[in-house]
Amino acid sequence: MIGTMLRCAALSALVLSASLGSAAKADAVADFYKGRTITILSGFGAGGMYGIYSHVIADHMPKHIPGHPKMIAQFMPGAGGVKAANYFMTAAPQDGTMVGLLSQSIALTQVLRGGTNVRYDASKMHWLGSFDTVTNVLSVWNAGTKVRTVADMKNQELIVGAPGKGSIGYMNMVALKKLLGLKMKIIAGYAQLEDLDLALERGEVQGRAATFISITTRKMDWIKDKKITNLVQFSLRRDAGWPDVPLAQELTKDPEAQRMFRFLAAPSTVGRGFSLPPGTPPDRVAAMREAFEKTVKDPAFIAEAHAKQLPLDWVPAKDLEAAINETVNAPKALVDKVEKLFASD
């Protein structure tokens, strides 16, 4: 009897100790964040989709973070998101006061161009989750070209605008051109989506490599007034809103080309991924992951996102990390074949 009582007392002490330890950790995180400001770093312009997401996140996520810090957005466009990712990995605060809303192609760019100007490792970042998966698309300005299908580019050149060479939009265009033998002139380097949109409207380019949601949330008149035609989408599955637009891998019967298109479609899973730098303390990483999940389930956040026509298809941290690691650790033979596509671009 006495032995049982002692064991129960010992067990109660362990439970109490664990509870107090968890509370102490939570208090430590709250104490750290109280009165501080967290910066959301994006590698693209403030007027694009990353900017819209950043501001909606900043409105709602702080109330779910212990200590309720403020959140602000910072934009560092350049090299298709590589400039911001390099800064995030090498110079950003490693204490949990900066989170990255970085390029969807961060892992793919690392694998394909790791020997050039990439100074980050996406697999070493602490991923919190993704707010939405993303489907990329090639759209043409109907008034500026007679091209209406991908097959038309076998005989007629299309001038396409894209972000920097580290962006998935640019890489998709190179793959489309080389794997399908199309006549395309690709003009890269549009740091901000607004610049790419204006280039299309002004006739500086005839096509645009970006995302479906950048059209549906910002340029619905293009669709309503039939100003554009969407030719091909880059993803692992057709977007539910655009079931008649073919996937790139559906446009070829070559198994190797299909495999490369699917590999390049991996960023669609990463989408609007949210991360912390590698040196962030574990307790703050855990707290921020919990805050992320609470945010994506928050009715007020969901309501504002829907009001701004932002799609939400959130991906948990473990699934996002798995997608990042799968790309970073892709078979060398596949990576080598895809790299050859960009060797002379």
Protein backbone atom coordinates (compact mmCIF):
# COMPACT_ATOMS: atom_id res chain seq x y z
CA MET A 1 0.00 0.00 0.00
CA ILE A 2 2.74 2.40 1.00
CA GLY A 3 4.71 1.40 -2.11
CA THR A 4 1.71 2.15 -4.32
CA MET A 5 1.25 5.54 -2.68
CA LEU A 6 4.90 6.36 -3.19
CA ARG A 7 4.73 5.39 -6.85
CA CYS A 8 1.61 7.51 -7.34
CA ALA A 9 3.30 10.42 -5.60
CA ALA A 10 6.37 10.02 -7.80
CA LEU A 11 4.21 9.86 -10.94
CA SER A 12 2.31 12.98 -9.88
CA ALA A 13 5.58 14.77 -9.29
CA LEU A 14 6.80 13.82 -12.78
CA VAL A 15 3.55 15.03 -14.37
CA LEU A 16 3.70 18.28 -12.41
CA SER A 17 7.36 18.75 -13.34
CA ALA A 18 6.62 18.17 -17.03
CA SER A 19 3.67 20.56 -16.86
CA LEU A 20 5.74 23.22 -15.15
CA GLY A 21 8.53 22.67 -17.69
CA SER A 22 6.11 23.15 -20.61
CA ALA A 23 4.66 26.24 -18.96
CA ALA A 24 8.14 27.62 -18.39
CA LYS A 25 9.01 27.10 -22.06
CA ALA A 26 5.80 28.81 -23.15
CA ASP A 27 6.48 31.69 -20.77
CA ALA A 28 10.03 32.00 -22.11
CA VAL A 29 8.74 32.27 -25.68
CA ALA A 30 6.09 34.79 -24.65
CA ASP A 31 8.64 36.81 -22.71
CA PHE A 32 10.92 36.88 -25.75
CA TYR A 33 8.25 37.98 -28.24
CA LYS A 34 6.45 40.47 -26.00
CA GLY A 35 7.03 43.98 -27.34
CA ARG A 36 9.04 42.74 -30.34
CA THR A 37 8.38 42.95 -34.06
CA ILE A 38 8.61 39.98 -36.44
CA THR A 39 9.55 40.76 -40.04
CA ILE A 40 8.04 38.74 -42.89
CA LEU A 41 10.68 38.65 -45.64
CA SER A 42 9.55 38.16 -49.23
CA GLY A 43 11.71 37.91 -52.33
CA PHE A 44 9.22 39.65 -54.58
CA GLY A 45 7.54 43.05 -54.84
CA ALA A 46 4.94 44.43 -52.44
CA GLY A 47 2.24 44.64 -55.11
CA GLY A 48 2.29 40.96 -56.06
CA MET A 49 0.77 37.88 -54.44
CA TYR A 50 3.55 37.52 -51.87
CA GLY A 51 2.83 41.07 -50.77
CA ILE A 52 -0.90 40.46 -50.40
CA TYR A 53 -0.32 37.28 -48.38
CA SER A 54 2.26 39.07 -46.20
CA HIS A 55 -0.17 41.78 -45.17
CA VAL A 56 -3.04 39.39 -44.43
CA ILE A 57 -0.73 37.20 -42.34
CA ALA A 58 0.56 40.24 -40.44
CA ASP A 59 -3.03 41.19 -39.59
CA HIS A 60 -3.90 37.85 -37.99
CA MET A 61 -0.94 35.69 -36.98
CA PRO A 62 0.38 37.85 -34.07
CA LYS A 63 -2.60 37.03 -31.85
CA HIS A 64 -1.64 33.34 -32.07
CA ILE A 65 2.04 33.87 -31.20
CA PRO A 66 2.99 33.86 -27.49
CA GLY A 67 3.67 37.44 -26.38
CA HIS A 68 1.62 38.81 -29.32
CA PRO A 69 4.43 40.61 -31.21
CA LYS A 70 3.77 42.90 -34.13
CA MET A 71 4.42 41.70 -37.68
CA ILE A 72 5.57 43.79 -40.61
CA ALA A 73 6.40 42.97 -44.23
CA GLN A 74 9.76 43.52 -45.92
CA PHE A 75 10.37 43.00 -49.63
CA MET A 76 13.70 42.14 -51.22
CA PRO A 77 13.09 41.38 -54.90
CA GLY A 78 15.89 40.10 -57.10
CA ALA A 79 17.07 37.04 -59.06
CA GLY A 80 13.68 35.34 -58.90
CA GLY A 81 13.72 35.19 -55.10
CA VAL A 82 17.34 34.07 -54.70
CA LYS A 83 18.51 37.40 -53.27
CA ALA A 84 16.04 37.19 -50.37
CA ALA A 85 16.71 33.48 -49.75
CA ASN A 86 20.47 34.12 -49.56
CA TYR A 87 19.92 36.93 -47.07
CA PHE A 88 17.51 34.81 -45.05
CA MET A 89 20.08 32.02 -44.74
CA THR A 90 23.26 34.04 -44.21
CA ALA A 91 22.39 37.42 -42.67
CA ALA A 92 18.87 37.37 -41.22
CA PRO A 93 18.36 37.28 -37.43
CA GLN A 94 18.41 33.68 -36.22
CA ASP A 95 16.30 34.34 -33.13
CA GLY A 96 12.77 33.99 -34.50
CA THR A 97 12.20 37.66 -35.34
CA MET A 98 12.29 37.06 -39.08
CA VAL A 99 10.16 34.60 -41.03
CA GLY A 100 10.47 33.91 -44.73
CA LEU A 101 7.67 33.90 -47.27
CA LEU A 102 10.16 32.88 -49.91
CA SER A 103 9.97 31.68 -53.49
CA GLN A 104 7.97 28.56 -54.23
CA SER A 105 10.91 27.39 -56.33
CA ILE A 106 13.45 27.77 -53.50
CA ALA A 107 14.44 24.08 -53.38
CA LEU A 108 14.37 23.60 -57.14
CA THR A 109 16.55 26.66 -57.75
CA GLN A 110 19.01 25.38 -55.12
CA VAL A 111 19.32 22.00 -56.83
CA LEU A 112 19.57 23.30 -60.38
CA ARG A 113 21.68 26.41 -59.78
CA GLY A 114 23.41 25.59 -56.52
CA GLY A 115 26.83 26.08 -58.03
CA THR A 116 26.22 29.68 -59.07
CA ASN A 117 24.77 32.39 -56.86
CA VAL A 118 22.76 30.25 -54.41
CA ARG A 119 24.07 30.50 -50.84
CA TYR A 120 21.21 28.86 -48.97
CA ASP A 121 20.00 25.34 -48.20
CA ALA A 122 16.21 25.03 -48.10
CA SER A 123 16.40 21.68 -46.30
CA LYS A 124 18.08 23.36 -43.30
CA MET A 125 15.37 25.97 -42.84
CA HIS A 126 12.62 25.37 -40.28
CA TRP A 127 9.39 25.10 -42.29
CA LEU A 128 6.18 26.14 -40.55
CA GLY A 129 3.80 25.14 -43.33
CA SER A 130 2.37 26.56 -46.54
CA PHE A 131 -0.71 28.75 -46.83
CA ASP A 132 -1.55 27.56 -50.31
CA THR A 133 -0.39 25.31 -53.13
CA VAL A 134 0.26 27.17 -56.37
CA THR A 135 -0.31 26.43 -60.04
CA ASN A 136 1.81 28.28 -62.58
CA VAL A 137 0.55 29.13 -66.06
CA LEU A 138 1.60 30.56 -69.40
CA SER A 139 -0.94 33.15 -70.58
CA VAL A 140 -0.93 35.10 -73.86
CA TRP A 141 -2.33 38.56 -74.59
CA ASN A 142 -4.91 37.93 -77.31
CA ALA A 143 -4.52 41.34 -78.95
CA GLY A 144 -0.77 40.90 -79.27
CA THR A 145 -0.47 37.47 -80.85
CA LYS A 146 -2.36 34.89 -82.89
CA VAL A 147 -0.99 32.09 -80.72
CA ARG A 148 -3.87 30.28 -79.04
CA THR A 149 -2.36 26.87 -78.33
CA VAL A 150 1.08 25.54 -77.47
CA ALA A 151 1.14 23.82 -80.86
CA ASP A 152 0.93 27.24 -82.57
CA MET A 153 4.41 27.99 -81.22
CA LYS A 154 5.86 25.28 -83.42
CA ASN A 155 5.61 27.76 -86.29
CA GLN A 156 5.14 31.17 -84.67
CA GLU A 157 7.48 32.80 -82.16
CA LEU A 158 6.03 34.03 -78.88
CA ILE A 159 7.77 36.69 -76.76
CA VAL A 160 7.26 35.76 -73.12
CA GLY A 161 8.00 37.81 -70.01
CA ALA A 162 9.11 36.10 -66.79
CA PRO A 163 10.62 36.93 -63.38
CA GLY A 164 14.35 36.40 -62.71
CA LYS A 165 16.26 33.34 -63.86
CA GLY A 166 15.95 31.79 -60.42
CA SER A 167 12.15 31.79 -60.64
CA ILE A 168 9.97 28.83 -61.51
CA GLY A 169 8.19 30.93 -64.11
CA TYR A 170 11.41 31.38 -66.05
CA MET A 171 12.46 27.73 -65.68
CA ASN A 172 9.06 26.54 -66.87
CA MET A 173 9.39 28.64 -70.01
CA VAL A 174 12.85 27.27 -70.82
CA ALA A 175 11.66 23.69 -70.31
CA LEU A 176 8.58 24.28 -72.46
CA LYS A 177 10.67 25.77 -75.23
CA LYS A 178 13.39 23.12 -75.28
CA LEU A 179 11.46 19.96 -74.46
CA LEU A 180 8.68 20.67 -76.96
CA GLY A 181 10.78 22.43 -79.61
CA LEU A 182 8.81 25.69 -79.51
CA LYS A 183 9.64 29.10 -80.94
CA MET A 184 9.88 31.33 -77.88
CA LYS A 185 11.85 34.38 -76.89
CA ILE A 186 12.03 34.63 -73.11
CA ILE A 187 12.63 38.02 -71.49
CA ALA A 188 13.52 37.53 -67.82
CA GLY A 189 14.18 39.94 -64.98
CA TYR A 190 10.79 41.37 -64.02
CA ALA A 191 11.34 41.81 -60.28
CA GLN A 192 7.76 42.83 -59.56
CA LEU A 193 4.55 41.31 -60.86
CA GLU A 194 3.13 44.74 -61.64
CA ASP A 195 6.00 45.32 -64.08
CA LEU A 196 5.29 42.02 -65.83
CA ASP A 197 1.58 42.80 -66.03
CA LEU A 198 2.27 46.23 -67.54
CA ALA A 199 4.70 44.73 -70.05
CA LEU A 200 1.95 42.39 -71.22
CA GLU A 201 -0.72 45.10 -71.42
CA ARG A 202 1.60 47.49 -73.27
CA GLY A 203 2.65 44.90 -75.82
CA GLU A 204 6.27 44.70 -74.69
CA VAL A 205 5.75 40.94 -74.38
CA GLN A 206 3.06 38.69 -75.81
CA GLY A 207 2.93 36.14 -73.02
CA ARG A 208 3.33 36.01 -69.25
CA ALA A 209 4.73 33.28 -66.99
CA ALA A 210 3.21 33.58 -63.51
CA THR A 211 0.44 31.96 -61.43
CA PHE A 212 -3.28 31.48 -61.89
CA ILE A 213 -4.05 33.24 -58.62
CA SER A 214 -2.10 36.34 -59.63
CA ILE A 215 -4.71 36.69 -62.38
CA THR A 216 -7.83 35.68 -60.45
CA THR A 217 -7.05 37.94 -57.49
CA ARG A 218 -5.71 40.96 -59.36
CA LYS A 219 -6.66 40.85 -63.05
CA MET A 220 -10.12 39.29 -63.36
CA ASP A 221 -10.95 41.77 -66.13
CA TRP A 222 -8.41 39.92 -68.27
CA ILE A 223 -10.60 36.86 -68.01
CA LYS A 224 -14.02 38.55 -68.11
CA ASP A 225 -13.08 40.61 -71.17
CA LYS A 226 -11.28 37.67 -72.81
CA LYS A 227 -8.02 39.61 -73.01
CA ILE A 228 -5.90 36.51 -72.35
CA THR A 229 -5.77 32.84 -73.20
CA ASN A 230 -4.20 30.39 -70.77
CA LEU A 231 -2.17 27.91 -72.80
CA VAL A 232 -0.59 25.48 -70.34
CA GLN A 233 -0.34 24.95 -66.60
CA PHE A 234 2.61 23.66 -64.60
CA SER A 235 1.59 21.46 -61.70
CA LEU A 236 1.18 17.82 -60.70
CA ARG A 237 -2.58 18.01 -61.30
CA ARG A 238 -4.90 20.31 -63.23
CA ASP A 239 -6.22 23.25 -61.26
CA ALA A 240 -9.89 22.68 -60.43
CA GLY A 241 -10.73 26.16 -61.69
CA TRP A 242 -9.10 25.55 -65.07
CA PRO A 243 -9.85 21.93 -66.00
CA ASP A 244 -9.54 22.55 -69.74
CA VAL A 245 -5.99 23.97 -69.61
CA PRO A 246 -3.51 21.10 -70.20
CA LEU A 247 -0.57 20.25 -67.97
CA ALA A 248 2.87 20.58 -69.54
CA GLN A 249 3.55 16.84 -69.14
CA GLU A 250 0.36 16.09 -71.09
CA LEU A 251 1.74 17.83 -74.18
CA THR A 252 4.40 15.22 -74.89
CA LYS A 253 4.54 11.44 -75.19
CA ASP A 254 8.25 11.32 -74.34
CA PRO A 255 8.55 9.67 -70.87
CA GLU A 256 11.76 11.58 -70.04
CA ALA A 257 10.23 14.92 -70.94
CA GLN A 258 7.16 14.07 -68.84
CA ARG A 259 9.39 13.17 -65.91
CA MET A 260 11.28 16.48 -66.17
CA PHE A 261 8.05 18.50 -66.35
CA ARG A 262 6.77 16.74 -63.22
CA PHE A 263 10.06 17.45 -61.44
CA LEU A 264 9.78 21.13 -62.33
CA ALA A 265 6.19 21.10 -61.04
CA ALA A 266 7.37 20.33 -57.47
CA PRO A 267 7.19 24.02 -56.39
CA SER A 268 3.41 23.88 -56.75
CA THR A 269 3.36 21.92 -53.46
CA VAL A 270 5.65 24.43 -51.72
CA GLY A 271 3.40 27.29 -52.78
CA ARG A 272 3.33 30.08 -50.19
CA GLY A 273 5.69 28.32 -47.78
CA PHE A 274 6.52 29.94 -44.44
CA SER A 275 9.87 29.31 -42.72
CA LEU A 276 12.36 30.32 -40.02
CA PRO A 277 16.16 30.50 -40.41
CA PRO A 278 18.18 27.42 -39.37
CA GLY A 279 19.56 28.89 -36.13
CA THR A 280 16.17 29.67 -34.57
CA PRO A 281 15.78 28.17 -31.06
CA PRO A 282 13.62 24.98 -31.01
CA ASP A 283 11.03 26.33 -28.56
CA ARG A 284 10.36 29.34 -30.81
CA VAL A 285 10.14 27.09 -33.87
CA ALA A 286 7.55 24.92 -32.08
CA ALA A 287 5.58 27.98 -30.97
CA MET A 288 5.59 29.48 -34.46
CA ARG A 289 4.46 26.20 -36.03
CA GLU A 290 1.55 26.09 -33.62
CA ALA A 291 0.75 29.73 -34.36
CA PHE A 292 0.83 29.04 -38.10
CA GLU A 293 -1.68 26.20 -37.79
CA LYS A 294 -3.97 28.29 -35.60
CA THR A 295 -3.78 31.12 -38.12
CA VAL A 296 -4.81 29.03 -41.13
CA LYS A 297 -7.80 27.75 -39.13
CA ASP A 298 -8.74 31.19 -37.78
CA PRO A 299 -12.19 32.24 -39.12
CA ALA A 300 -11.14 35.90 -39.22
CA PHE A 301 -8.02 35.07 -41.25
CA ILE A 302 -10.03 32.86 -43.61
CA ALA A 303 -12.67 35.55 -44.05
CA GLU A 304 -10.12 38.23 -44.97
CA ALA A 305 -8.28 35.86 -47.31
CA HIS A 306 -11.54 35.07 -49.09
CA ALA A 307 -12.46 38.76 -49.23
CA LYS A 308 -9.18 39.38 -51.03
CA GLN A 309 -9.80 36.30 -53.21
CA LEU A 310 -6.74 34.56 -51.80
CA PRO A 311 -7.03 30.77 -52.12
CA LEU A 312 -6.14 28.73 -49.05
CA ASP A 313 -5.06 25.11 -49.36
CA TRP A 314 -2.71 24.84 -46.41
CA VAL A 315 0.10 22.28 -46.15
CA PRO A 316 1.36 21.16 -42.68
CA ALA A 317 5.03 21.57 -41.76
CA LYS A 318 5.87 17.86 -42.01
CA ASP A 319 4.39 17.58 -45.52
CA LEU A 320 6.11 20.75 -46.68
CA GLU A 321 9.46 19.57 -45.29
CA ALA A 322 8.98 16.24 -47.09
CA ALA A 323 8.37 18.06 -50.40
CA ILE A 324 11.43 20.27 -49.89
CA ASN A 325 13.66 17.29 -49.02
CA GLU A 326 12.38 15.27 -51.97
CA THR A 327 13.48 18.01 -54.35
CA VAL A 328 16.81 18.68 -52.62
CA ASN A 329 17.61 14.94 -52.65
CA ALA A 330 16.36 14.21 -56.19
CA PRO A 331 18.30 11.59 -58.20
CA LYS A 332 21.43 13.07 -59.72
CA ALA A 333 20.64 11.63 -63.16
CA LEU A 334 17.33 13.50 -63.25
CA VAL A 335 18.87 16.73 -61.97
CA ASP A 336 21.65 16.50 -64.57
CA LYS A 337 19.13 16.15 -67.40
CA VAL A 338 17.10 19.12 -66.21
CA GLU A 339 20.24 21.21 -65.69
CA LYS A 340 21.21 20.65 -69.33
CA LEU A 341 18.03 22.45 -70.32
CA PHE A 342 19.35 25.62 -68.69
CA ALA A 343 23.02 25.23 -69.64
CA SER A 344 22.79 27.69 -72.53
CA ASP A 345 19.70 29.68 -71.61
